[in-house]
Amino acid sequence: MSTLLPLNVVVLAAGAGTRMKSALPKVLHCLAGKPLLKHVIDTAQLLKPTQLCVVYGHGGDQVRDLLAQTTVLWVEQAQQLGTGHAVAQAMPRLPDEAITLVLYGDVPLIKDQTLAELIRLASDGSLAVLTLHLQNPQGYGRIVRNVHGEVERIVEEKDASPAQKQITEINTGMLAVQNKKLRGWLSQLKNNNAQGEYYLTDIIALAVADGVTVRTSHPADESEVLGVNSRNQLAQLERSYQRACAEQYMQQGVTFLDPARVDFRGEVVFGRDVTVDVNVVFSGRVVVGNNVSIGANCSISDATLADGVEILPLCVIEQATVGANSRVGPYSRLRPGVILAGDNHIGNFVEIKNSQIGPGSKVNHLSYVGDTQMGGKVNIGAGTITANYDGANKHQTIIEDNASTGSNSVLVAPVTIGKGATIGAGSVITKTAPAGKLTLTRSKQVTIDGWQRPTKKL
């Protein structure tokens, strides 16, 4: 984003959010898995401001701690005396020769394109205000225009007359203006209103009095400017966000069996001809290849699914890579560090962690594979586990190409199963199993005469 003057952004995030009924500051409540305030900051950073200030107050330590990795200038509003007072706290840190854009930490869905237009309008010295027409404007400040259609002032609903309450054009609170003018108007604000606060909106009347043009622009969608004051409103915005994401991906060719029942909590890159069943949650960064099918009730986070992958219902995949033409599930869990090379079958109630599984290898039933290097064309029998933890340290299991384990085998790491080796069912393997041979560990079966099953004591 380029303007004739440098751009500063001030994000107001000091409110208590009492209607949230929470010990957590309002701006830290999450939408799509990310704090409301972080949504606003991320959007503001797309505009490439020279300075990004966050005015904080209520729960300040929590706000700063949670967003400690975010590059912003923190400005404290020790007393919450209104939006005008909040912006004034940041002004000593901002140069006169710049444009300031004012945003709100509880309005998470504002788009950078909308803000870019607002900044453009302010670049000629005007005061640019983002407004919106609502069928039901209750609760919002109204835009009061003169007979020529020019903005005269903004009146808050608590201070509005019955006639002014009929106005449908509302103030979103977001504006852009040159700092030199903003600084002067902030110094003139009064708190003689129903709330006893210094309203930022009062600068509109001051701008008109100074002969400064007040220009307005509007967002493409109402959801962009809706704030969060309650958990109900947060839930409504969550649905708006998820609906918009689903619509965007469907335009790219993704099929959702029910677009209302899929959640995106990060960034997803989809290939062609992908089908997603209901109640799938994507988190973090997920890359999905072509011709992928994802079954119902799956959770997929920070993962890559290559072309032709089929994820059956009720799987959890986190920080894992699933190679081409693999089938996973149902009821499978791939934990961090898992790499499936391709053409793999991972089945019912199988958990794999920090392991590389070679091409064509299968782990189909009731198994745990951890800290394992597995070759190609391996078959892991039902109930096989790699015992990788000795109570203090993790150890690695190596299973070479074409090996096979019988049901209910335990491979006690560190251990190697040689190429083409077979492990007999029910074995506990603690030493290297030689390549191409059958290895088993079973005691001789015996029957004890005269033994009686214990009975419950009365």
Protein backbone atom coordinates (compact mmCIF):
# COMPACT_ATOMS: atom_id res chain seq x y z
CA MET A 1 0.00 0.00 0.00
CA SER A 2 1.49 3.35 -1.01
CA THR A 3 0.33 6.86 -0.10
CA LEU A 4 1.89 10.28 -0.44
CA LEU A 5 2.37 10.27 3.31
CA PRO A 6 3.56 7.41 5.54
CA LEU A 7 0.81 5.31 7.05
CA ASN A 8 0.30 4.74 10.77
CA VAL A 9 -2.30 2.35 12.14
CA VAL A 10 -3.81 2.68 15.60
CA VAL A 11 -5.77 -0.34 16.86
CA LEU A 12 -8.01 0.30 19.86
CA ALA A 13 -8.02 -2.75 22.13
CA ALA A 14 -8.48 -1.43 25.67
CA GLY A 15 -12.12 -2.30 26.36
CA ALA A 16 -13.17 -4.61 29.18
CA GLY A 17 -15.77 -6.56 27.19
CA THR A 18 -18.02 -7.11 30.20
CA ARG A 19 -20.77 -8.70 28.10
CA MET A 20 -18.45 -11.58 27.25
CA LYS A 21 -18.74 -12.70 30.90
CA SER A 22 -15.13 -13.83 30.86
CA ALA A 23 -11.85 -13.34 32.70
CA LEU A 24 -10.18 -13.31 29.29
CA PRO A 25 -9.91 -9.87 27.65
CA LYS A 26 -12.43 -9.59 24.84
CA VAL A 27 -9.82 -9.06 22.11
CA LEU A 28 -8.16 -12.37 23.04
CA HIS A 29 -11.26 -14.46 22.38
CA CYS A 30 -10.70 -16.50 19.25
CA LEU A 31 -12.39 -16.52 15.88
CA ALA A 32 -11.29 -19.31 13.54
CA GLY A 33 -8.67 -20.32 16.11
CA LYS A 34 -7.00 -16.91 16.22
CA PRO A 35 -7.50 -14.02 18.72
CA LEU A 36 -9.74 -11.23 17.48
CA LEU A 37 -6.95 -8.70 17.89
CA LYS A 38 -4.52 -10.83 15.88
CA HIS A 39 -6.97 -10.87 12.97
CA VAL A 40 -6.97 -7.06 12.96
CA ILE A 41 -3.19 -6.78 13.31
CA ASP A 42 -2.58 -9.26 10.48
CA THR A 43 -4.89 -7.30 8.18
CA ALA A 44 -3.29 -3.99 9.15
CA GLN A 45 0.17 -5.36 8.38
CA LEU A 46 -0.92 -6.10 4.81
CA LEU A 47 -1.09 -2.31 4.37
CA LYS A 48 2.62 -2.07 5.29
CA PRO A 49 2.34 0.77 7.83
CA THR A 50 5.45 2.50 9.11
CA GLN A 51 4.02 2.33 12.61
CA LEU A 52 1.40 -0.03 14.07
CA CYS A 53 0.17 0.93 17.54
CA VAL A 54 -2.08 -1.15 19.75
CA VAL A 55 -3.78 0.79 22.54
CA TYR A 56 -4.40 -1.66 25.36
CA GLY A 57 -5.92 -1.38 28.80
CA HIS A 58 -8.13 -4.06 30.33
CA GLY A 59 -6.14 -7.28 30.84
CA GLY A 60 -3.08 -5.56 29.41
CA ASP A 61 -0.54 -8.11 30.65
CA GLN A 62 -2.52 -10.96 29.11
CA VAL A 63 -2.88 -9.11 25.82
CA ARG A 64 0.81 -8.31 25.56
CA ASP A 65 1.92 -11.77 26.70
CA LEU A 66 -0.25 -13.65 24.23
CA LEU A 67 0.84 -11.44 21.34
CA ALA A 68 4.44 -11.04 22.46
CA GLN A 69 5.76 -12.25 19.10
CA THR A 70 3.76 -9.62 17.22
CA THR A 71 5.72 -6.57 16.05
CA VAL A 72 3.66 -3.62 17.26
CA LEU A 73 4.07 -0.52 19.40
CA TRP A 74 2.16 -1.05 22.64
CA VAL A 75 0.49 2.03 24.14
CA GLU A 76 -1.36 1.80 27.46
CA GLN A 77 -4.69 3.50 28.14
CA ALA A 78 -4.66 3.32 31.93
CA GLN A 79 -8.15 4.83 32.22
CA GLN A 80 -10.81 3.97 29.66
CA LEU A 81 -12.27 7.41 28.96
CA GLY A 82 -13.57 6.79 25.44
CA THR A 83 -12.33 6.20 21.92
CA GLY A 84 -11.06 9.77 21.47
CA HIS A 85 -9.04 9.49 24.66
CA ALA A 86 -7.67 6.10 23.48
CA VAL A 87 -6.40 7.48 20.17
CA ALA A 88 -4.90 10.46 22.00
CA GLN A 89 -2.68 8.09 24.01
CA ALA A 90 -0.96 6.99 20.79
CA MET A 91 -0.49 10.42 19.24
CA PRO A 92 2.76 11.35 21.06
CA ARG A 93 4.36 8.34 19.35
CA LEU A 94 3.22 9.31 15.84
CA PRO A 95 4.69 11.99 13.53
CA ASP A 96 2.60 14.86 12.14
CA GLU A 97 3.53 14.09 8.54
CA ALA A 98 1.60 10.83 8.22
CA ILE A 99 -1.88 9.44 7.78
CA THR A 100 -3.38 7.57 10.71
CA LEU A 101 -5.88 4.76 10.20
CA VAL A 102 -7.97 3.90 13.27
CA LEU A 103 -9.13 0.28 13.69
CA TYR A 104 -10.74 -1.75 16.48
CA GLY A 105 -9.40 -4.90 18.07
CA ASP A 106 -12.86 -6.49 18.30
CA VAL A 107 -13.76 -6.02 14.61
CA PRO A 108 -11.87 -8.98 13.12
CA LEU A 109 -13.20 -9.39 9.58
CA ILE A 110 -12.29 -6.03 8.07
CA LYS A 111 -10.52 -6.50 4.72
CA ASP A 112 -7.36 -4.78 3.57
CA GLN A 113 -9.02 -3.75 0.27
CA THR A 114 -11.68 -1.85 2.20
CA LEU A 115 -9.05 -0.08 4.29
CA ALA A 116 -6.92 0.72 1.25
CA GLU A 117 -9.83 2.64 -0.24
CA LEU A 118 -10.31 4.54 3.02
CA ILE A 119 -6.64 5.54 3.04
CA ARG A 120 -6.86 6.63 -0.59
CA LEU A 121 -9.73 8.97 0.26
CA ALA A 122 -7.69 10.51 3.08
CA SER A 123 -4.59 11.04 0.97
CA ASP A 124 -5.83 14.41 -0.37
CA GLY A 125 -6.30 15.89 3.11
CA SER A 126 -9.89 14.73 3.62
CA LEU A 127 -11.21 12.97 6.68
CA ALA A 128 -12.25 9.51 5.42
CA VAL A 129 -14.90 7.61 7.39
CA LEU A 130 -16.11 4.05 6.83
CA THR A 131 -19.91 3.90 6.97
CA LEU A 132 -22.61 1.35 6.28
CA HIS A 133 -26.37 1.32 5.63
CA LEU A 134 -28.26 -1.09 7.90
CA GLN A 135 -31.94 -2.01 7.91
CA ASN A 136 -31.71 -2.12 11.70
CA PRO A 137 -29.17 0.47 12.84
CA GLN A 138 -30.02 0.15 16.54
CA GLY A 139 -27.00 0.57 18.80
CA TYR A 140 -24.81 2.38 16.28
CA GLY A 141 -23.86 6.01 15.88
CA ARG A 142 -25.69 7.69 12.97
CA ILE A 143 -24.17 9.66 10.10
CA VAL A 144 -25.92 13.04 9.98
CA ARG A 145 -25.79 14.72 6.56
CA ASN A 146 -26.96 18.16 5.42
CA VAL A 147 -29.44 18.88 2.62
CA HIS A 148 -26.60 18.57 0.11
CA GLY A 149 -25.75 15.07 1.29
CA GLU A 150 -22.52 16.19 2.95
CA VAL A 151 -21.51 14.67 6.29
CA GLU A 152 -22.00 17.12 9.15
CA ARG A 153 -21.41 15.00 12.23
CA ILE A 154 -21.91 11.64 13.90
CA VAL A 155 -24.36 11.29 16.75
CA GLU A 156 -24.23 8.34 19.13
CA GLU A 157 -27.54 6.55 19.64
CA LYS A 158 -27.72 7.45 23.33
CA ASP A 159 -27.48 11.11 22.35
CA ALA A 160 -29.65 10.88 19.20
CA SER A 161 -33.06 12.47 18.77
CA PRO A 162 -36.02 10.34 17.62
CA ALA A 163 -35.57 11.68 14.08
CA GLN A 164 -31.85 10.91 14.06
CA LYS A 165 -32.54 7.36 15.20
CA GLN A 166 -34.41 6.81 11.92
CA ILE A 167 -31.18 7.33 9.97
CA THR A 168 -29.94 4.01 8.55
CA GLU A 169 -26.38 5.07 7.69
CA ILE A 170 -24.17 4.13 10.62
CA ASN A 171 -20.64 4.85 11.72
CA THR A 172 -18.29 1.88 11.87
CA GLY A 173 -15.72 3.82 13.90
CA MET A 174 -12.97 3.24 11.34
CA LEU A 175 -11.44 6.37 9.81
CA ALA A 176 -8.30 7.73 8.21
CA VAL A 177 -6.93 11.26 8.41
CA GLN A 178 -3.67 13.18 8.41
CA ASN A 179 -2.04 13.22 11.83
CA LYS A 180 -1.53 16.97 12.03
CA LYS A 181 -5.29 17.54 11.74
CA LEU A 182 -6.18 14.62 13.98
CA ARG A 183 -3.91 15.88 16.76
CA GLY A 184 -5.61 19.27 16.79
CA TRP A 185 -9.13 17.87 16.82
CA LEU A 186 -8.37 15.41 19.62
CA SER A 187 -7.23 18.31 21.80
CA GLN A 188 -10.65 19.93 21.37
CA LEU A 189 -12.80 16.95 22.37
CA LYS A 190 -15.28 17.37 25.24
CA ASN A 191 -16.98 14.71 27.34
CA ASN A 192 -20.35 16.44 27.76
CA ASN A 193 -22.41 13.47 26.57
CA ALA A 194 -24.53 10.68 28.06
CA GLN A 195 -21.48 8.46 28.65
CA GLY A 196 -19.15 11.17 29.95
CA GLU A 197 -16.54 9.99 27.44
CA TYR A 198 -14.36 11.60 24.80
CA TYR A 199 -15.82 10.33 21.54
CA LEU A 200 -13.52 9.99 18.55
CA THR A 201 -16.61 10.50 16.38
CA ASP A 202 -16.85 14.12 17.54
CA ILE A 203 -13.90 14.99 15.32
CA ILE A 204 -16.24 14.82 12.31
CA ALA A 205 -18.07 17.97 13.41
CA LEU A 206 -14.72 19.63 14.18
CA ALA A 207 -13.48 18.74 10.69
CA VAL A 208 -16.60 20.25 9.11
CA ALA A 209 -16.14 23.40 11.18
CA ASP A 210 -12.58 23.67 9.87
CA GLY A 211 -13.77 23.28 6.29
CA VAL A 212 -12.21 19.84 5.85
CA THR A 213 -14.10 17.54 3.49
CA VAL A 214 -15.52 14.41 5.11
CA ARG A 215 -15.59 11.56 2.61
CA THR A 216 -17.16 8.15 3.14
CA SER A 217 -16.66 4.67 1.76
CA HIS A 218 -18.43 1.40 2.42
CA PRO A 219 -17.33 -2.22 2.93
CA ALA A 220 -18.29 -4.90 0.43
CA ASP A 221 -20.00 -6.95 3.13
CA GLU A 222 -21.63 -6.05 6.43
CA SER A 223 -19.65 -8.72 8.29
CA GLU A 224 -16.44 -6.73 7.73
CA VAL A 225 -17.48 -4.06 10.22
CA LEU A 226 -19.38 -6.08 12.80
CA GLY A 227 -17.81 -6.02 16.25
CA VAL A 228 -17.85 -8.57 19.03
CA ASN A 229 -19.48 -7.60 22.30
CA SER A 230 -20.98 -10.93 23.35
CA ARG A 231 -20.46 -14.62 22.80
CA ASN A 232 -23.53 -14.67 20.58
CA GLN A 233 -21.98 -12.07 18.30
CA LEU A 234 -18.70 -13.99 18.30
CA ALA A 235 -20.54 -17.14 17.18
CA GLN A 236 -22.33 -15.22 14.43
CA LEU A 237 -19.06 -13.81 13.10
CA GLU A 238 -17.49 -17.27 13.25
CA ARG A 239 -20.23 -18.53 10.94
CA SER A 240 -19.81 -15.54 8.62
CA TYR A 241 -16.09 -16.19 8.40
CA GLN A 242 -16.47 -19.93 7.79
CA ARG A 243 -19.18 -19.40 5.19
CA ALA A 244 -16.98 -16.94 3.29
CA CYS A 245 -14.03 -19.37 3.37
CA ALA A 246 -16.15 -22.26 2.09
CA GLU A 247 -17.55 -20.13 -0.72
CA GLN A 248 -14.06 -19.04 -1.74
CA TYR A 249 -12.79 -22.62 -1.87
CA MET A 250 -15.86 -23.86 -3.75
CA GLN A 251 -15.16 -21.23 -6.41
CA GLN A 252 -11.75 -22.88 -6.75
CA GLY A 253 -13.39 -26.24 -7.40
CA VAL A 254 -13.55 -27.90 -3.97
CA THR A 255 -16.68 -29.93 -3.13
CA PHE A 256 -18.04 -29.65 0.42
CA LEU A 257 -20.89 -32.05 1.08
CA ASP A 258 -22.26 -29.43 3.46
CA PRO A 259 -20.46 -26.05 3.36
CA ALA A 260 -22.08 -25.09 6.67
CA ARG A 261 -20.28 -27.92 8.45
CA VAL A 262 -16.59 -27.34 7.80
CA ASP A 263 -14.20 -25.12 9.76
CA PHE A 264 -11.03 -23.34 8.66
CA ARG A 265 -8.65 -22.22 11.41
CA GLY A 266 -5.66 -21.35 9.33
CA GLU A 267 -4.59 -21.46 5.69
CA VAL A 268 -5.59 -24.28 3.35
CA VAL A 269 -4.33 -24.79 -0.19
CA PHE A 270 -6.55 -27.12 -2.21
CA GLY A 271 -5.81 -28.92 -5.45
CA ARG A 272 -8.40 -29.94 -8.04
CA ASP A 273 -11.33 -32.28 -7.48
CA VAL A 274 -11.13 -32.42 -3.70
CA THR A 275 -14.16 -33.69 -1.78
CA VAL A 276 -14.65 -32.87 1.92
CA ASP A 277 -17.37 -34.49 4.02
CA VAL A 278 -19.07 -32.89 7.02
CA ASN A 279 -17.52 -31.71 10.29
CA VAL A 280 -13.93 -31.53 9.05
CA VAL A 281 -11.67 -29.02 10.84
CA PHE A 282 -8.56 -27.62 9.12
CA SER A 283 -6.03 -25.88 11.38
CA GLY A 284 -2.69 -24.20 10.75
CA ARG A 285 -1.29 -24.59 7.23
CA VAL A 286 -2.71 -27.52 5.30
CA VAL A 287 -1.85 -28.43 1.71
CA VAL A 288 -4.25 -30.76 -0.09
CA GLY A 289 -3.36 -32.25 -3.47
CA ASN A 290 -5.54 -33.25 -6.41
CA ASN A 291 -8.27 -35.91 -6.22
CA VAL A 292 -8.20 -36.09 -2.44
CA SER A 293 -11.17 -37.32 -0.42
CA ILE A 294 -11.60 -36.43 3.26
CA GLY A 295 -14.22 -38.26 5.28
CA ALA A 296 -16.50 -36.94 8.00
CA ASN A 297 -15.36 -35.76 11.43
CA CYS A 298 -11.65 -35.43 10.71
CA SER A 299 -9.20 -32.95 12.26
CA ILE A 300 -6.28 -31.99 10.01
CA SER A 301 -3.65 -29.52 11.17
CA ASP A 302 -0.32 -28.40 9.68
CA ALA A 303 -0.33 -31.34 7.30
CA THR A 304 0.23 -32.21 3.65
CA LEU A 305 -2.01 -34.64 1.77
CA ALA A 306 -0.58 -35.60 -1.62
CA ASP A 307 -2.54 -36.45 -4.78
CA GLY A 308 -5.02 -39.30 -4.60
CA VAL A 309 -5.06 -39.57 -0.81
CA GLU A 310 -8.19 -40.91 0.86
CA ILE A 311 -8.80 -39.97 4.48
CA LEU A 312 -11.61 -42.06 5.93
CA PRO A 313 -13.85 -40.74 8.74
CA LEU A 314 -12.77 -39.88 12.27
CA CYS A 315 -9.05 -39.35 11.72
CA VAL A 316 -6.67 -36.92 13.42
CA ILE A 317 -3.68 -35.78 11.37
CA GLU A 318 -1.25 -33.27 12.88
CA GLN A 319 2.11 -32.10 11.50
CA ALA A 320 2.27 -35.09 9.20
CA THR A 321 2.78 -35.79 5.49
CA VAL A 322 0.60 -38.33 3.70
CA GLY A 323 2.11 -39.56 0.44
CA ALA A 324 0.27 -40.04 -2.83
CA ASN A 325 -2.49 -42.64 -3.14
CA SER A 326 -2.40 -43.52 0.54
CA ARG A 327 -5.48 -44.50 2.51
CA VAL A 328 -5.80 -43.48 6.15
CA GLY A 329 -8.52 -44.46 8.59
CA PRO A 330 -11.08 -44.76 9.85
CA TYR A 331 -10.10 -43.91 13.43
CA SER A 332 -6.42 -43.31 12.68
CA ARG A 333 -4.11 -40.78 14.31
CA LEU A 334 -0.98 -39.46 12.64
CA ARG A 335 1.05 -37.41 15.10
CA PRO A 336 3.88 -34.92 14.50
CA GLY A 337 6.82 -36.15 12.49
CA VAL A 338 4.99 -38.80 10.48
CA ILE A 339 5.87 -39.15 6.80
CA LEU A 340 4.02 -41.69 4.68
CA ALA A 341 5.98 -42.23 1.46
CA GLY A 342 2.93 -43.20 -0.59
CA ASP A 343 0.59 -46.11 -1.40
CA ASN A 344 0.28 -46.74 2.33
CA HIS A 345 -2.66 -48.17 4.22
CA ILE A 346 -3.07 -46.93 7.78
CA GLY A 347 -6.20 -48.38 9.33
CA ASN A 348 -8.51 -48.72 12.29
CA PHE A 349 -7.23 -47.47 15.63
CA VAL A 350 -3.65 -47.04 14.47
CA GLU A 351 -1.45 -44.36 16.02
CA ILE A 352 1.84 -43.35 14.41
CA LYS A 353 4.30 -40.81 15.80
CA ASN A 354 7.64 -39.45 14.55
CA SER A 355 8.06 -42.22 12.01
CA GLN A 356 8.82 -42.63 8.33
CA ILE A 357 6.75 -45.28 6.59
CA GLY A 358 8.13 -46.56 3.29
CA PRO A 359 6.18 -46.93 0.04
CA GLY A 360 3.49 -49.56 -0.02
CA SER A 361 3.77 -50.42 3.68
CA LYS A 362 0.61 -51.20 5.65
CA VAL A 363 -0.36 -50.73 9.29
CA ASN A 364 -4.00 -51.70 9.21
CA HIS A 365 -5.26 -52.56 12.67
CA LEU A 366 -4.91 -51.64 16.34
CA SER A 367 -1.23 -50.73 16.31
CA TYR A 368 1.15 -48.12 17.73
CA VAL A 369 4.24 -47.19 15.72
CA GLY A 370 6.55 -44.63 17.29
CA ASP A 371 10.09 -43.44 16.49
CA THR A 372 10.36 -45.93 13.64
CA GLN A 373 12.11 -46.07 10.29
CA MET A 374 10.07 -48.46 8.18
CA GLY A 375 11.02 -49.62 4.70
CA GLY A 376 8.79 -50.41 1.76
CA LYS A 377 6.22 -53.22 1.39
CA VAL A 378 6.18 -53.90 5.13
CA ASN A 379 3.09 -55.47 6.66
CA ILE A 380 2.42 -54.72 10.33
CA GLY A 381 0.02 -57.23 11.88
CA ALA A 382 -2.90 -56.30 14.09
CA GLY A 383 -1.95 -55.23 17.60
CA THR A 384 1.75 -54.74 16.87
CA ILE A 385 3.46 -51.99 18.86
CA THR A 386 6.92 -50.50 18.90
CA ALA A 387 7.88 -50.07 22.55
CA ASN A 388 9.94 -46.93 22.05
CA TYR A 389 10.08 -45.53 25.60
CA ASP A 390 12.12 -47.04 28.43
CA GLY A 391 10.70 -44.72 31.07
CA ALA A 392 13.34 -42.05 30.54
CA ASN A 393 14.41 -41.99 26.87
CA LYS A 394 12.97 -42.69 23.43
CA HIS A 395 14.59 -45.29 21.18
CA GLN A 396 14.28 -46.10 17.51
CA THR A 397 12.95 -49.19 15.77
CA ILE A 398 14.16 -50.04 12.25
CA ILE A 399 11.97 -52.26 10.10
CA GLU A 400 13.52 -53.04 6.74
CA ASP A 401 11.83 -53.69 3.38
CA ASN A 402 9.32 -56.53 3.01
CA ALA A 403 9.34 -57.42 6.71
CA SER A 404 6.13 -58.70 8.32
CA THR A 405 5.00 -58.84 11.94
CA GLY A 406 2.40 -61.21 13.29
CA SER A 407 -0.49 -60.07 15.43
CA ASN A 408 0.18 -58.80 18.94
CA SER A 409 3.92 -58.45 18.49
CA VAL A 410 5.97 -56.07 20.64
CA LEU A 411 9.18 -54.65 19.17
CA VAL A 412 11.24 -53.33 22.07
CA ALA A 413 13.45 -50.49 20.86
CA PRO A 414 16.24 -50.07 20.03
CA VAL A 415 15.79 -53.00 17.71
CA THR A 416 16.09 -53.87 14.00
CA ILE A 417 13.84 -56.15 11.98
CA GLY A 418 15.83 -57.28 8.98
CA LYS A 419 14.83 -57.20 5.32
CA GLY A 420 12.16 -59.78 4.56
CA ALA A 421 12.07 -60.96 8.19
CA THR A 422 8.89 -62.41 9.67
CA ILE A 423 7.93 -62.00 13.31
CA GLY A 424 5.67 -64.71 14.72
CA ALA A 425 2.41 -63.66 16.33
CA GLY A 426 2.57 -62.82 20.03
CA SER A 427 6.32 -62.31 20.09
CA VAL A 428 8.29 -59.82 22.18
CA ILE A 429 11.38 -58.94 20.14
CA THR A 430 14.32 -57.43 22.02
CA LYS A 431 17.17 -58.34 19.65
CA THR A 432 17.81 -58.01 15.94
CA ALA A 433 15.56 -60.25 13.86
CA PRO A 434 17.71 -61.59 10.98
CA ALA A 435 16.76 -60.83 7.40
CA GLY A 436 14.63 -63.39 5.58
CA LYS A 437 13.98 -65.56 8.63
CA LEU A 438 11.13 -66.31 11.02
CA THR A 439 11.77 -65.04 14.53
CA LEU A 440 9.40 -65.69 17.41
CA THR A 441 9.45 -65.72 21.20
CA ARG A 442 6.81 -67.89 22.81
CA SER A 443 6.85 -70.09 25.89
CA LYS A 444 5.60 -73.64 25.50
CA GLN A 445 1.83 -73.96 25.79
CA VAL A 446 0.77 -75.90 28.87
CA THR A 447 -2.50 -76.85 30.49
CA ILE A 448 -2.72 -76.91 34.29
CA ASP A 449 -5.04 -79.57 35.65
CA GLY A 450 -7.11 -78.84 38.74
CA TRP A 451 -6.97 -75.05 38.32
CA GLN A 452 -10.16 -73.20 39.27
CA ARG A 453 -11.21 -69.75 38.17
CA PRO A 454 -11.48 -67.31 41.11
CA THR A 455 -14.99 -66.51 42.28
CA LYS A 456 -16.30 -63.25 43.65
CA LYS A 457 -16.27 -63.03 47.42
CA LEU A 458 -19.67 -62.49 48.99
